[in-house]
Amino acid sequence: MTSTALLVLAVFAACAVEAVEALTIVLAAGVTRGWRSTFEGAAAALLCLVALVAAFGPALLHYVPIFVLRLVVGGLLLALGLQWLRKAILRASGLKAKHDEDAIYRREVARLAGVPRQGSGRDATGFVISFKGVFLEGMEVVLIVLSLGLSSGRLGAAVAAAAAAIVVVAGVGAVVARRLAEVPENAMKMGVGLMLVSFGTFWSGEGAGIRWPGSDGAILALIAAYALVAFLAVRLLQRGRAAQLDRGPEPA
């Protein structure tokens, strides 16, 4: 039960983060290029992503041995989670600018507004921009859904969590429109990174034959351990940055 709850939370949070980024592009395209073509592009991308999960999910689960699947998936989750965690740590310590969806929205609007429309019907630019934004952001979600769902044998729960996140973000986006900066995306990325590296460590160990103490409960211990490491890394980087600012610029 612990493993299922954590899996659903990890998939939901990861999908929500990617959905916010995709929504930024969709809103910018809709405002500047028209909503009909934009929605059609987003819908086409979602259909492609659903088809990928439906095509590869059951096939992998049926034909690939579970220990091989867990070993490979664990390595993928570790790589992906460490990437998310690294960026979140750098942002939390002030060494990397925080993700600003409002600024991204303004840039997209300015860029798309400069592209002339062809006729009054469907707008090809709006369709392509929307499709590309949703599809590229969604591919990372597909990877997470397949990885976590297949390695745990709970693909249905992972798909349901991803779908719920898309519905929630779309609903919130319709209400708050361009106020996307209010979504605590950077904090969510830190949490998702912690869960992904923890699941990656757990499933890699399972695939290699390790018997974790407490079975699925070991995932909670791994999350706590990685969270402590991330906290210490943020504090260490903050102190280093503060010391560098106190010293001032290096003499020429």
Protein backbone atom coordinates (compact mmCIF):
# COMPACT_ATOMS: atom_id res chain seq x y z
CA MET A 1 0.00 0.00 0.00
CA THR A 2 2.88 2.36 0.82
CA SER A 3 4.49 1.64 -2.54
CA THR A 4 1.24 2.25 -4.43
CA ALA A 5 0.56 5.56 -2.68
CA LEU A 6 4.09 6.81 -3.32
CA LEU A 7 3.92 5.67 -6.95
CA VAL A 8 0.64 7.52 -7.53
CA LEU A 9 2.03 10.64 -5.83
CA ALA A 10 5.26 10.54 -7.85
CA VAL A 11 3.46 10.11 -11.18
CA PHE A 12 0.87 12.77 -10.34
CA ALA A 13 3.50 15.34 -9.31
CA ALA A 14 5.78 14.65 -12.27
CA CYS A 15 2.89 14.83 -14.72
CA ALA A 16 1.59 18.03 -13.10
CA VAL A 17 4.97 19.73 -13.51
CA GLU A 18 5.23 18.77 -17.18
CA ALA A 19 1.57 19.67 -17.75
CA VAL A 20 2.16 23.20 -16.39
CA GLU A 21 5.02 23.68 -18.84
CA ALA A 22 2.91 22.33 -21.73
CA LEU A 23 -0.03 24.52 -20.66
CA THR A 24 2.18 27.61 -20.89
CA ILE A 25 2.85 26.87 -24.56
CA VAL A 26 -0.80 26.00 -25.28
CA LEU A 27 -2.07 29.24 -23.73
CA ALA A 28 0.47 31.32 -25.64
CA ALA A 29 -0.45 29.62 -28.91
CA GLY A 30 -4.19 29.95 -28.23
CA VAL A 31 -4.04 33.65 -27.43
CA THR A 32 -1.92 34.55 -30.46
CA ARG A 33 -2.91 31.97 -33.09
CA GLY A 34 -6.49 31.01 -32.22
CA TRP A 35 -7.94 28.35 -29.92
CA ARG A 36 -9.33 25.92 -32.48
CA SER A 37 -6.00 24.95 -34.06
CA THR A 38 -4.27 25.06 -30.67
CA PHE A 39 -6.73 22.63 -29.07
CA GLU A 40 -6.54 20.33 -32.08
CA GLY A 41 -2.75 20.21 -31.83
CA ALA A 42 -2.87 19.49 -28.09
CA ALA A 43 -5.49 16.77 -28.56
CA ALA A 44 -3.48 15.12 -31.35
CA ALA A 45 -0.38 15.07 -29.13
CA LEU A 46 -2.31 13.53 -26.22
CA LEU A 47 -3.67 10.81 -28.50
CA CYS A 48 -0.14 9.98 -29.68
CA LEU A 49 1.09 9.75 -26.08
CA VAL A 50 -1.81 7.50 -25.06
CA ALA A 51 -1.07 5.26 -28.05
CA LEU A 52 2.58 4.95 -26.99
CA VAL A 53 1.62 3.84 -23.48
CA ALA A 54 -0.99 1.40 -24.82
CA ALA A 55 1.42 -0.07 -27.38
CA PHE A 56 4.58 -0.46 -25.31
CA GLY A 57 3.25 -0.89 -21.76
CA PRO A 58 1.52 -4.30 -21.95
CA ALA A 59 4.09 -5.64 -24.45
CA LEU A 60 7.02 -4.88 -22.16
CA LEU A 61 5.22 -6.31 -19.15
CA HIS A 62 4.36 -9.51 -21.02
CA TYR A 63 7.65 -10.26 -22.79
CA VAL A 64 10.42 -8.83 -20.56
CA PRO A 65 11.38 -10.71 -17.35
CA ILE A 66 10.46 -8.69 -14.29
CA PHE A 67 13.99 -8.66 -12.80
CA VAL A 68 15.44 -7.33 -16.08
CA LEU A 69 12.67 -4.75 -16.30
CA ARG A 70 13.29 -3.56 -12.76
CA LEU A 71 17.05 -3.33 -13.26
CA VAL A 72 16.78 -1.34 -16.49
CA VAL A 73 13.89 0.81 -15.28
CA GLY A 74 15.68 1.49 -12.01
CA GLY A 75 18.69 2.82 -13.89
CA LEU A 76 16.48 5.04 -16.06
CA LEU A 77 14.64 6.42 -13.04
CA LEU A 78 17.94 7.13 -11.27
CA ALA A 79 19.27 9.04 -14.27
CA LEU A 80 16.05 11.00 -14.72
CA GLY A 81 15.58 11.66 -11.01
CA LEU A 82 19.16 12.85 -10.51
CA GLN A 83 18.69 15.30 -13.38
CA TRP A 84 15.54 16.73 -11.77
CA LEU A 85 17.15 16.76 -8.32
CA ARG A 86 20.32 18.48 -9.51
CA LYS A 87 18.38 21.34 -11.11
CA ALA A 88 16.10 21.68 -8.07
CA ILE A 89 19.11 21.85 -5.71
CA LEU A 90 20.81 24.50 -7.86
CA ARG A 91 17.59 26.57 -7.95
CA ALA A 92 17.01 26.22 -4.21
CA SER A 93 20.59 27.33 -3.49
CA GLY A 94 20.34 30.36 -5.79
CA LEU A 95 22.93 29.14 -8.29
CA LYS A 96 20.32 28.68 -11.03
CA ALA A 97 17.42 30.94 -11.91
CA LYS A 98 14.02 29.60 -10.90
CA HIS A 99 11.62 28.45 -13.60
CA ASP A 100 9.38 31.43 -14.43
CA GLU A 101 6.31 30.33 -16.40
CA ASP A 102 5.05 33.91 -16.73
CA ALA A 103 8.30 34.96 -18.42
CA ILE A 104 8.15 31.93 -20.71
CA TYR A 105 4.54 32.78 -21.58
CA ARG A 106 5.47 36.36 -22.51
CA ARG A 107 8.34 35.18 -24.71
CA GLU A 108 6.12 32.66 -26.50
CA VAL A 109 3.39 35.26 -27.10
CA ALA A 110 5.90 37.76 -28.48
CA ARG A 111 7.46 35.15 -30.74
CA LEU A 112 4.18 33.76 -32.11
CA ALA A 113 2.62 37.19 -32.58
CA GLY A 114 5.31 37.99 -35.13
CA VAL A 115 4.38 35.03 -37.37
CA PRO A 116 1.74 36.08 -39.95
CA ARG A 117 -1.46 34.04 -40.20
CA GLN A 118 -2.38 32.36 -43.47
CA GLY A 119 -6.10 32.83 -44.11
CA SER A 120 -8.91 32.68 -41.54
CA GLY A 121 -9.26 28.90 -41.19
CA ARG A 122 -7.05 26.49 -39.30
CA ASP A 123 -3.69 27.93 -38.32
CA ALA A 124 -0.83 25.51 -39.05
CA THR A 125 1.60 27.36 -36.79
CA GLY A 126 -0.74 27.19 -33.79
CA PHE A 127 -1.38 23.49 -34.40
CA VAL A 128 2.33 22.61 -34.71
CA ILE A 129 3.43 24.70 -31.73
CA SER A 130 0.72 23.21 -29.52
CA PHE A 131 1.38 19.66 -30.73
CA LYS A 132 5.13 19.96 -30.24
CA GLY A 133 4.85 21.49 -26.78
CA VAL A 134 2.41 18.89 -25.47
CA PHE A 135 4.15 15.95 -27.13
CA LEU A 136 7.69 16.82 -26.00
CA GLU A 137 6.66 17.57 -22.41
CA GLY A 138 4.46 14.47 -22.44
CA MET A 139 7.26 12.14 -23.53
CA GLU A 140 8.95 12.55 -20.16
CA VAL A 141 5.64 11.72 -18.51
CA VAL A 142 5.29 8.60 -20.68
CA LEU A 143 8.76 7.49 -19.60
CA ILE A 144 7.88 7.97 -15.92
CA VAL A 145 4.48 6.29 -16.29
CA LEU A 146 5.93 3.25 -18.06
CA SER A 147 8.95 3.02 -15.77
CA LEU A 148 7.11 3.27 -12.45
CA GLY A 149 4.01 1.42 -13.63
CA LEU A 150 5.80 -1.53 -15.19
CA SER A 151 8.46 -2.00 -12.53
CA SER A 152 5.82 -2.10 -9.79
CA GLY A 153 3.22 -4.01 -11.78
CA ARG A 154 0.76 -1.11 -11.33
CA LEU A 155 0.58 0.40 -14.82
CA GLY A 156 -3.13 1.13 -14.42
CA ALA A 157 -2.55 3.18 -11.27
CA ALA A 158 0.28 5.11 -12.95
CA VAL A 159 -1.87 5.91 -15.99
CA ALA A 160 -4.77 7.00 -13.77
CA ALA A 161 -2.49 9.30 -11.75
CA ALA A 162 -1.11 10.88 -14.94
CA ALA A 163 -4.61 11.40 -16.33
CA ALA A 164 -5.77 12.97 -13.05
CA ALA A 165 -2.82 15.38 -13.08
CA ILE A 166 -3.61 16.48 -16.64
CA VAL A 167 -7.27 17.09 -15.72
CA VAL A 168 -6.35 19.04 -12.57
CA VAL A 169 -3.74 21.22 -14.30
CA ALA A 170 -6.06 21.88 -17.25
CA GLY A 171 -8.85 22.88 -14.85
CA VAL A 172 -6.59 25.15 -12.82
CA GLY A 173 -5.17 26.61 -16.02
CA ALA A 174 -8.65 27.47 -17.26
CA VAL A 175 -9.31 29.36 -14.01
CA VAL A 176 -6.02 31.15 -13.37
CA ALA A 177 -5.10 31.50 -17.07
CA ARG A 178 -1.72 33.16 -17.20
CA ARG A 179 -1.00 33.14 -13.46
CA LEU A 180 1.08 29.98 -13.87
CA ALA A 181 3.89 31.33 -11.73
CA GLU A 182 1.69 30.73 -8.68
CA VAL A 183 2.09 26.96 -9.12
CA PRO A 184 4.93 25.82 -6.79
CA GLU A 185 6.69 24.08 -9.66
CA ASN A 186 10.25 24.25 -8.30
CA ALA A 187 9.24 22.70 -4.98
CA MET A 188 7.35 20.00 -6.87
CA LYS A 189 10.43 19.26 -8.97
CA MET A 190 12.47 18.75 -5.83
CA GLY A 191 9.87 16.32 -4.49
CA VAL A 192 9.58 14.47 -7.79
CA GLY A 193 13.36 14.20 -8.06
CA LEU A 194 13.57 12.71 -4.57
CA MET A 195 10.88 10.14 -5.33
CA LEU A 196 12.35 9.18 -8.70
CA VAL A 197 15.85 8.55 -7.36
CA SER A 198 14.37 6.61 -4.44
CA PHE A 199 12.25 4.41 -6.71
CA GLY A 200 15.23 4.04 -9.04
CA THR A 201 17.47 2.87 -6.20
CA PHE A 202 14.78 0.51 -4.91
CA TRP A 203 13.99 -1.13 -8.26
CA SER A 204 17.65 -1.35 -9.28
CA GLY A 205 18.33 -3.18 -6.04
CA GLU A 206 15.33 -5.46 -6.55
CA GLY A 207 16.49 -6.28 -10.06
CA ALA A 208 19.98 -7.07 -8.78
CA GLY A 209 18.57 -9.43 -6.14
CA ILE A 210 18.78 -7.19 -3.06
CA ARG A 211 16.22 -7.90 -0.33
CA TRP A 212 15.35 -4.53 1.14
CA PRO A 213 14.62 -4.39 4.89
CA GLY A 214 10.94 -3.65 5.40
CA SER A 215 10.12 -4.49 1.76
CA ASP A 216 8.28 -1.52 0.15
CA GLY A 217 8.72 0.47 3.35
CA ALA A 218 12.39 0.87 2.41
CA ILE A 219 11.27 3.43 -0.20
CA LEU A 220 10.32 5.82 2.61
CA ALA A 221 13.77 5.40 4.18
CA LEU A 222 15.40 6.06 0.81
CA ILE A 223 13.33 9.22 0.31
CA ALA A 224 14.34 10.45 3.77
CA ALA A 225 18.01 9.70 3.11
CA TYR A 226 18.05 11.46 -0.25
CA ALA A 227 16.09 14.40 1.20
CA LEU A 228 18.76 14.80 3.88
CA VAL A 229 21.51 14.72 1.26
CA ALA A 230 19.65 17.29 -0.86
CA PHE A 231 19.13 19.56 2.18
CA LEU A 232 22.82 19.40 3.09
CA ALA A 233 23.80 20.05 -0.54
CA VAL A 234 21.57 23.15 -0.68
CA ARG A 235 23.00 24.51 2.58
CA LEU A 236 26.56 23.84 1.47
CA LEU A 237 26.04 25.56 -1.88
CA GLN A 238 24.31 28.50 -0.20
CA ARG A 239 27.24 28.98 2.17
CA GLY A 240 29.72 28.75 -0.69
CA ARG A 241 27.74 31.32 -2.68
CA ALA A 242 27.50 33.66 0.32
CA ALA A 243 31.24 33.38 0.96
CA GLN A 244 31.97 34.17 -2.68
CA LEU A 245 29.72 37.24 -2.56
CA ASP A 246 31.44 38.44 0.63
CA ARG A 247 34.86 38.17 -1.04
CA GLY A 248 33.64 40.19 -3.99
CA PRO A 249 34.89 39.86 -7.58
CA GLU A 250 38.31 38.40 -8.22
CA PRO A 251 40.98 41.04 -8.98
CA ALA A 252 41.87 41.37 -12.66
